Amino acid sequence: MTRVKSGSGKGFALTVAAIAVFVIVAVIAVSALRGSGANADGDARQIEIIPVPATPVRYEDQTRIRALFPGLITARRQSALGFPSGGQIAEILVDVGDRVERGQPLARLDTRALQAQLQAARADIRVAQAQSDLAEVTLNRQQSLVERGHVSGQSLDEAQASYDAARARIQSTQAVHETLGVQIELATLTAPFAGVITDRSFDEGASVGAGAPVLTLVESAALELRVGLPSADASRLRVGEAYEVELNSGERLSVTLRAITQVIETRERTVSAVFDVPASATVSSGSVARLLLDHALEDRGFWASAGALTEGRRGMWSVYALTPSGEHYVLEPRPVEILHSEGDRVYLRGAVDDGQRILTTGVHRVAPGQPVRPVSEG
């Protein structure tokens, strides 16, 4: 058997121990370096300053605000046209969508029966005229005989009465003739004003009663805008003055106030104002328009972008104020009250100082206390 020397075994053990210590030290050093690197990254993230759009607050003691009141553009005149007497429709000369002029024929009734009655009335007039002529001759003869004393005055009176009755029969038959002529004339439906046919209720051959709507005519040349306004706003309007309205297309046009009803409607609690739409306007009846009215708001506040608002506590609104913190700013929520909203901007008052910068947009991408720097003002 080979005997190992005790001195060489101790040296090997010391070498292994030294290597182990070196490995432990190396591991601790690497861990320390990694930890310091992580802390450095964390510190870098904590002090990261992001650029944000901001604008300074400018308070006003009062401001001009614009209110919008919706209304409906309609034709000034719209008529459901029918015949004054019933009958059978012989012709309908127009259809839905046709533009017609004032006095243009639109439809006709069958007038054959009326034409026959008219001919009979003409014959009655001739008969009455002949009877009147005979009564006149008789009256003249009786006057001559009375003057000569051949007949009594009673005969003259009877001749005069016959003559008067004959003249009355002429007037009666003429009245019947004129009535039939008017009925025949009214059997042709004509346009009372220029416009567009928007509805047709009957076709040829249909029997209609007196006054039954056959066609609907809407005036196209004269349009008006009716708007319901609170009485306070209506009292500021002046008849004859021009006001601005906005259409759904974004187009704006000028209208003239024609009348204010001065009566508060029971349901809407508004006063109706009627405006004349210019004939040159390219707008159709039935379009919606919004009346634009400017007036003063007697409240101290400041204007801000609607994108600057964020929901605060208990249903209130807040804006982010940029508060100085060393060489940068931090975001601090400040409660505000909306006094008026107008499109993409709002008029506010709240815990924001005059001249202090506030975040204008991107409120959903930041958090309270976040370090920031302003990059724009507007």
Protein backbone atom coordinates (compact mmCIF):
# COMPACT_ATOMS: atom_id res chain seq x y z
CA MET A 1 0.00 0.00 0.00
CA THR A 2 1.10 3.52 -0.81
CA ARG A 3 1.14 5.92 2.08
CA VAL A 4 0.08 9.57 1.45
CA LYS A 5 2.09 12.19 3.07
CA SER A 6 0.18 14.36 5.51
CA GLY A 7 1.81 17.59 4.38
CA SER A 8 0.62 17.35 0.76
CA GLY A 9 -3.03 16.66 1.84
CA LYS A 10 -3.15 19.77 3.91
CA GLY A 11 -1.92 21.88 0.98
CA PHE A 12 -4.62 20.55 -1.32
CA ALA A 13 -7.33 21.38 1.23
CA LEU A 14 -6.04 24.93 1.57
CA THR A 15 -6.11 25.39 -2.19
CA VAL A 16 -9.73 24.23 -2.46
CA ALA A 17 -10.76 26.57 0.37
CA ALA A 18 -9.09 29.52 -1.31
CA ILE A 19 -10.85 28.82 -4.55
CA ALA A 20 -14.21 28.65 -2.77
CA VAL A 21 -13.61 31.96 -1.02
CA PHE A 22 -12.71 33.57 -4.35
CA VAL A 23 -15.89 32.28 -5.96
CA ILE A 24 -18.03 33.61 -3.10
CA VAL A 25 -16.41 37.00 -3.27
CA ALA A 26 -16.91 37.10 -7.03
CA VAL A 27 -20.58 36.20 -6.69
CA ILE A 28 -21.10 38.88 -4.05
CA ALA A 29 -19.37 41.46 -6.23
CA VAL A 30 -21.42 40.61 -9.29
CA SER A 31 -24.61 40.73 -7.23
CA ALA A 32 -23.60 44.08 -5.83
CA LEU A 33 -22.92 45.42 -9.29
CA ARG A 34 -26.26 44.15 -10.57
CA GLY A 35 -28.05 45.64 -7.60
CA SER A 36 -26.39 49.00 -8.07
CA GLY A 37 -27.27 48.91 -11.77
CA ALA A 38 -30.92 48.14 -10.99
CA ASN A 39 -31.05 50.92 -8.42
CA ALA A 40 -29.51 53.29 -10.94
CA ASP A 41 -32.16 52.34 -13.52
CA GLY A 42 -34.91 52.77 -10.92
CA ASP A 43 -33.59 56.17 -9.96
CA ALA A 44 -33.46 57.11 -13.65
CA ARG A 45 -37.07 56.07 -14.09
CA GLN A 46 -38.14 58.01 -11.00
CA ILE A 47 -36.65 61.25 -12.25
CA GLU A 48 -37.74 60.84 -15.89
CA ILE A 49 -39.33 64.15 -16.97
CA ILE A 50 -41.84 63.98 -19.81
CA PRO A 51 -42.76 66.93 -22.07
CA VAL A 52 -46.41 68.04 -21.94
CA PRO A 53 -48.43 70.74 -23.73
CA ALA A 54 -49.37 73.50 -21.33
CA THR A 55 -50.90 76.95 -21.38
CA PRO A 56 -51.06 79.73 -18.79
CA VAL A 57 -54.38 80.58 -17.19
CA ARG A 58 -55.78 84.04 -18.01
CA TYR A 59 -58.72 85.13 -15.85
CA GLU A 60 -61.47 87.43 -17.18
CA ASP A 61 -64.03 89.35 -15.13
CA GLN A 62 -66.63 88.62 -17.82
CA THR A 63 -66.67 86.99 -21.22
CA ARG A 64 -68.70 86.78 -24.40
CA ILE A 65 -70.32 83.38 -24.85
CA ARG A 66 -72.19 81.88 -27.77
CA ALA A 67 -75.41 79.96 -27.25
CA LEU A 68 -76.94 77.68 -29.89
CA PHE A 69 -80.71 77.25 -30.22
CA PRO A 70 -81.96 74.60 -32.67
CA GLY A 71 -84.85 75.33 -35.01
CA LEU A 72 -86.58 73.96 -38.10
CA ILE A 73 -86.56 75.54 -41.54
CA THR A 74 -89.99 75.22 -43.12
CA ALA A 75 -91.91 76.65 -46.03
CA ARG A 76 -93.79 79.81 -45.23
CA ARG A 77 -96.86 78.39 -46.96
CA GLN A 78 -98.01 74.79 -47.31
CA SER A 79 -101.45 73.82 -48.61
CA ALA A 80 -103.38 70.57 -48.92
CA LEU A 81 -105.29 71.27 -52.15
CA GLY A 82 -108.76 69.86 -52.81
CA PHE A 83 -111.86 70.60 -54.88
CA PRO A 84 -114.58 72.71 -53.22
CA SER A 85 -117.24 70.30 -54.53
CA GLY A 86 -117.07 66.54 -54.91
CA GLY A 87 -116.84 64.64 -58.14
CA GLN A 88 -114.85 62.22 -60.23
CA ILE A 89 -111.24 63.08 -61.09
CA ALA A 90 -110.76 63.29 -64.86
CA GLU A 91 -107.09 64.39 -64.94
CA ILE A 92 -104.13 64.85 -62.62
CA LEU A 93 -101.53 66.90 -64.43
CA VAL A 94 -98.63 66.78 -61.92
CA ASP A 95 -96.80 64.30 -59.75
CA VAL A 96 -94.76 64.33 -56.55
CA GLY A 97 -91.59 66.38 -56.94
CA ASP A 98 -92.88 68.57 -59.76
CA ARG A 99 -92.25 72.30 -59.46
CA VAL A 100 -95.26 74.39 -60.44
CA GLU A 101 -95.97 78.08 -60.96
CA ARG A 102 -98.78 80.14 -59.52
CA GLY A 103 -102.03 79.59 -61.47
CA GLN A 104 -100.80 76.42 -63.18
CA PRO A 105 -103.53 73.73 -63.61
CA LEU A 106 -102.90 70.71 -61.41
CA ALA A 107 -106.00 68.50 -61.70
CA ARG A 108 -109.52 68.49 -63.19
CA LEU A 109 -112.88 66.96 -62.32
CA ASP A 110 -115.35 65.47 -64.81
CA THR A 111 -117.62 68.44 -65.65
CA ARG A 112 -119.96 66.88 -68.22
CA ALA A 113 -122.98 67.10 -65.91
CA LEU A 114 -122.16 70.71 -65.08
CA GLN A 115 -121.80 71.56 -68.76
CA ALA A 116 -125.29 70.17 -69.43
CA GLN A 117 -126.75 72.20 -66.57
CA LEU A 118 -124.98 75.25 -67.94
CA GLN A 119 -126.63 74.79 -71.33
CA ALA A 120 -130.01 74.45 -69.63
CA ALA A 121 -129.36 77.65 -67.69
CA ARG A 122 -128.59 79.46 -70.92
CA ALA A 123 -131.90 78.27 -72.37
CA ASP A 124 -133.73 79.45 -69.26
CA ILE A 125 -132.15 82.86 -69.69
CA ARG A 126 -133.45 83.06 -73.26
CA VAL A 127 -136.96 82.04 -72.13
CA ALA A 128 -136.91 84.60 -69.33
CA GLN A 129 -135.69 87.26 -71.75
CA ALA A 130 -138.53 86.48 -74.16
CA GLN A 131 -141.09 86.67 -71.37
CA SER A 132 -139.60 89.93 -70.26
CA ASP A 133 -139.85 91.35 -73.78
CA LEU A 134 -143.52 90.33 -73.99
CA ALA A 135 -144.23 91.81 -70.58
CA GLU A 136 -142.59 95.06 -71.65
CA VAL A 137 -144.72 95.29 -74.80
CA THR A 138 -147.87 94.58 -72.79
CA LEU A 139 -146.92 97.23 -70.24
CA ASN A 140 -146.40 99.85 -72.96
CA ARG A 141 -149.75 99.02 -74.55
CA GLN A 142 -151.58 99.26 -71.23
CA GLN A 143 -149.99 102.63 -70.53
CA SER A 144 -151.26 103.92 -73.89
CA LEU A 145 -154.79 102.62 -73.25
CA VAL A 146 -154.90 104.13 -69.78
CA GLU A 147 -153.86 107.50 -71.17
CA ARG A 148 -156.74 107.32 -73.63
CA GLY A 149 -159.13 106.16 -70.93
CA HIS A 150 -159.92 102.81 -72.47
CA VAL A 151 -158.78 100.69 -69.48
CA SER A 152 -158.54 101.16 -65.77
CA GLY A 153 -155.41 101.68 -63.76
CA GLN A 154 -155.77 98.15 -62.38
CA SER A 155 -154.83 96.69 -65.75
CA LEU A 156 -151.76 98.90 -65.87
CA ASP A 157 -150.70 97.73 -62.43
CA GLU A 158 -151.05 94.08 -63.45
CA ALA A 159 -148.95 94.67 -66.58
CA GLN A 160 -146.28 96.41 -64.51
CA ALA A 161 -146.16 93.46 -62.08
CA SER A 162 -145.82 90.98 -64.93
CA TYR A 163 -142.97 92.96 -66.39
CA ASP A 164 -141.14 93.18 -63.03
CA ALA A 165 -141.55 89.43 -62.51
CA ALA A 166 -140.12 88.72 -65.96
CA ARG A 167 -137.09 90.90 -65.26
CA ALA A 168 -136.55 89.08 -61.93
CA ARG A 169 -136.69 85.72 -63.72
CA ILE A 170 -133.92 86.92 -66.03
CA GLN A 171 -131.73 87.82 -63.04
CA SER A 172 -132.47 84.47 -61.40
CA THR A 173 -131.56 82.43 -64.43
CA GLN A 174 -128.44 84.50 -64.96
CA ALA A 175 -127.39 83.83 -61.37
CA VAL A 176 -127.83 80.07 -61.92
CA HIS A 177 -125.77 80.35 -65.09
CA GLU A 178 -122.96 82.20 -63.28
CA THR A 179 -122.99 79.67 -60.41
CA LEU A 180 -122.59 76.79 -62.82
CA GLY A 181 -119.78 78.66 -64.57
CA VAL A 182 -117.96 79.12 -61.25
CA GLN A 183 -118.43 75.42 -60.42
CA ILE A 184 -116.93 74.45 -63.76
CA GLU A 185 -114.04 76.83 -63.18
CA LEU A 186 -113.42 75.42 -59.69
CA ALA A 187 -113.44 71.91 -61.13
CA THR A 188 -109.91 72.74 -62.32
CA LEU A 189 -107.44 72.72 -59.40
CA THR A 190 -104.77 75.41 -59.81
CA ALA A 191 -101.65 76.26 -57.82
CA PRO A 192 -102.29 79.18 -55.44
CA PHE A 193 -98.54 79.89 -55.30
CA ALA A 194 -95.30 78.63 -56.79
CA GLY A 195 -93.88 75.56 -55.09
CA VAL A 196 -93.23 71.84 -55.14
CA ILE A 197 -95.77 68.99 -55.11
CA THR A 198 -94.93 66.88 -52.06
CA ASP A 199 -97.91 64.50 -51.93
CA ARG A 200 -100.52 63.01 -54.30
CA SER A 201 -103.46 61.28 -52.63
CA PHE A 202 -105.65 60.24 -55.60
CA ASP A 203 -105.39 59.12 -59.20
CA GLU A 204 -107.64 59.56 -62.25
CA GLY A 205 -111.08 58.01 -61.94
CA ALA A 206 -111.29 58.33 -58.18
CA SER A 207 -114.36 59.99 -56.66
CA VAL A 208 -113.51 62.59 -54.07
CA GLY A 209 -115.61 64.51 -51.61
CA ALA A 210 -115.68 68.24 -51.19
CA GLY A 211 -112.46 69.50 -49.63
CA ALA A 212 -110.67 66.13 -49.67
CA PRO A 213 -106.89 66.73 -50.07
CA VAL A 214 -105.80 65.65 -53.54
CA LEU A 215 -102.35 67.27 -53.74
CA THR A 216 -100.02 68.91 -51.22
CA LEU A 217 -98.13 71.99 -52.36
CA VAL A 218 -95.17 73.42 -50.44
CA GLU A 219 -93.84 76.87 -51.24
CA SER A 220 -90.18 76.64 -52.24
CA ALA A 221 -89.31 80.29 -52.86
CA ALA A 222 -90.04 81.59 -49.35
CA LEU A 223 -88.60 79.70 -46.37
CA GLU A 224 -88.65 80.59 -42.70
CA LEU A 225 -86.88 79.43 -39.56
CA ARG A 226 -88.80 78.91 -36.31
CA VAL A 227 -86.78 78.78 -33.10
CA GLY A 228 -87.91 78.34 -29.51
CA LEU A 229 -86.01 80.68 -27.17
CA PRO A 230 -86.06 81.36 -23.43
CA SER A 231 -87.94 84.59 -22.81
CA ALA A 232 -84.77 86.34 -21.58
CA ASP A 233 -82.94 85.59 -24.83
CA ALA A 234 -85.98 86.43 -26.96
CA SER A 235 -86.26 89.84 -25.31
CA ARG A 236 -82.81 90.77 -26.64
CA LEU A 237 -83.80 90.21 -30.26
CA ARG A 238 -84.98 93.04 -32.52
CA VAL A 239 -87.42 92.64 -35.39
CA GLY A 240 -85.82 93.49 -38.73
CA GLU A 241 -82.25 92.76 -37.62
CA ALA A 242 -80.06 90.02 -39.14
CA TYR A 243 -78.81 87.04 -37.12
CA GLU A 244 -76.48 84.15 -37.92
CA VAL A 245 -77.52 80.50 -38.11
CA GLU A 246 -75.51 77.33 -38.68
CA LEU A 247 -76.70 74.39 -40.79
CA ASN A 248 -75.88 70.72 -40.24
CA SER A 249 -73.44 70.95 -43.14
CA GLY A 250 -71.45 73.57 -41.22
CA GLU A 251 -72.51 76.33 -43.59
CA ARG A 252 -73.59 79.59 -42.01
CA LEU A 253 -76.08 82.07 -43.37
CA SER A 254 -77.76 85.29 -42.29
CA VAL A 255 -81.49 85.36 -41.51
CA THR A 256 -83.76 88.29 -40.66
CA LEU A 257 -86.09 88.31 -37.66
CA ARG A 258 -89.67 88.79 -38.84
CA ALA A 259 -91.71 88.29 -35.68
CA ILE A 260 -91.68 87.13 -32.06
CA THR A 261 -94.85 85.58 -30.65
CA GLN A 262 -94.33 87.12 -27.17
CA VAL A 263 -96.27 84.15 -25.76
CA ILE A 264 -94.54 81.50 -23.63
CA GLU A 265 -95.59 78.05 -24.81
CA THR A 266 -96.95 75.82 -22.07
CA ARG A 267 -94.94 72.68 -22.75
CA GLU A 268 -91.51 73.96 -23.81
CA ARG A 269 -91.67 77.19 -21.77
CA THR A 270 -90.14 79.03 -24.74
CA VAL A 271 -91.05 81.93 -26.99
CA SER A 272 -91.19 81.32 -30.74
CA ALA A 273 -89.14 83.57 -33.00
CA VAL A 274 -89.69 83.51 -36.79
CA PHE A 275 -86.84 84.38 -39.17
CA ASP A 276 -86.94 84.90 -42.94
CA VAL A 277 -84.44 82.73 -44.84
CA PRO A 278 -82.95 84.49 -47.89
CA ALA A 279 -84.10 83.16 -51.27
CA SER A 280 -80.47 82.72 -52.33
CA ALA A 281 -79.80 80.17 -49.57
CA THR A 282 -79.21 76.61 -50.79
CA VAL A 283 -81.29 74.95 -48.09
CA SER A 284 -84.38 72.75 -48.21
CA SER A 285 -87.57 72.80 -46.20
CA GLY A 286 -87.28 70.47 -43.22
CA SER A 287 -83.60 71.23 -42.57
CA VAL A 288 -82.39 71.80 -39.01
CA ALA A 289 -80.51 75.01 -38.23
CA ARG A 290 -79.03 76.44 -35.05
CA LEU A 291 -79.40 80.09 -34.16
CA LEU A 292 -76.15 81.59 -32.82
CA LEU A 293 -76.56 84.22 -30.13
CA ASP A 294 -73.68 86.00 -28.37
CA HIS A 295 -74.10 87.63 -24.98
CA ALA A 296 -72.04 88.53 -21.91
CA LEU A 297 -71.46 86.08 -19.05
CA GLU A 298 -70.96 88.13 -15.87
CA ASP A 299 -68.72 85.61 -14.05
CA ARG A 300 -65.00 85.70 -13.40
CA GLY A 301 -63.25 82.71 -14.95
CA PHE A 302 -60.87 81.50 -17.63
CA TRP A 303 -61.12 79.65 -20.94
CA ALA A 304 -59.50 76.25 -21.35
CA SER A 305 -59.54 73.38 -23.80
CA ALA A 306 -62.16 70.75 -23.11
CA GLY A 307 -59.33 68.22 -23.30
CA ALA A 308 -57.83 69.73 -20.14
CA LEU A 309 -60.66 68.41 -17.99
CA THR A 310 -60.41 65.21 -16.01
CA GLU A 311 -62.90 63.68 -13.61
CA GLY A 312 -62.23 64.55 -10.01
CA ARG A 313 -63.67 63.34 -6.75
CA ARG A 314 -67.40 63.15 -6.10
CA GLY A 315 -68.32 63.87 -9.68
CA MET A 316 -66.42 67.15 -9.84
CA TRP A 317 -63.99 68.22 -12.56
CA SER A 318 -60.28 68.92 -12.25
CA VAL A 319 -57.41 70.28 -14.31
CA TYR A 320 -53.72 69.46 -13.90
CA ALA A 321 -51.72 72.47 -12.74
CA LEU A 322 -47.95 72.52 -13.31
CA THR A 323 -46.37 73.23 -9.91
CA PRO A 324 -42.62 74.09 -9.77
CA SER A 325 -40.42 71.44 -8.14
CA GLY A 326 -36.74 72.24 -8.42
CA GLU A 327 -35.69 72.34 -12.05
CA HIS A 328 -38.93 70.82 -13.33
CA TYR A 329 -42.66 70.76 -12.63
CA VAL A 330 -45.02 68.20 -11.14
CA LEU A 331 -48.68 67.71 -12.03
CA GLU A 332 -51.14 68.63 -9.32
CA PRO A 333 -54.94 68.17 -9.79
CA ARG A 334 -56.98 71.29 -9.01
CA PRO A 335 -60.81 71.27 -8.73
CA VAL A 336 -62.73 73.52 -11.15
CA GLU A 337 -66.34 74.38 -11.99
CA ILE A 338 -67.68 74.55 -15.54
CA LEU A 339 -69.50 77.85 -16.07
CA HIS A 340 -70.10 77.42 -19.80
CA SER A 341 -69.15 74.97 -22.55
CA GLU A 342 -68.83 75.98 -26.17
CA GLY A 343 -67.66 73.45 -28.74
CA ASP A 344 -64.15 72.25 -27.83
CA ARG A 345 -63.55 74.82 -25.10
CA VAL A 346 -64.93 75.50 -21.62
CA TYR A 347 -65.15 78.52 -19.34
CA LEU A 348 -63.98 77.56 -15.83
CA ARG A 349 -63.34 78.85 -12.37
CA GLY A 350 -61.56 77.07 -9.55
CA ALA A 351 -58.40 76.61 -7.50
CA VAL A 352 -56.00 77.77 -10.21
CA ASP A 353 -53.98 80.99 -9.98
CA ASP A 354 -53.90 83.57 -12.74
CA GLY A 355 -50.86 82.92 -14.96
CA GLN A 356 -50.32 79.37 -13.71
CA ARG A 357 -49.77 76.77 -16.42
CA ILE A 358 -52.25 73.91 -16.85
CA LEU A 359 -52.10 70.78 -18.95
CA THR A 360 -54.07 71.36 -22.16
CA THR A 361 -54.51 67.78 -23.39
CA GLY A 362 -53.47 64.17 -22.81
CA VAL A 363 -54.80 63.98 -19.25
CA HIS A 364 -55.34 60.22 -19.61
CA ARG A 365 -51.60 59.64 -20.20
CA VAL A 366 -50.34 61.25 -16.97
CA ALA A 367 -50.79 60.88 -13.21
CA PRO A 368 -50.77 63.26 -10.24
CA GLY A 369 -47.26 64.07 -9.02
CA GLN A 370 -45.62 63.15 -12.31
CA PRO A 371 -42.55 65.27 -13.21
CA VAL A 372 -43.08 67.19 -16.44
CA ARG A 373 -41.80 70.10 -18.44
CA PRO A 374 -43.99 72.39 -20.59
CA VAL A 375 -43.22 72.36 -24.29
CA SER A 376 -45.86 74.66 -25.75
CA GLU A 377 -48.25 77.40 -24.80
CA GLY A 378 -51.45 78.18 -26.67
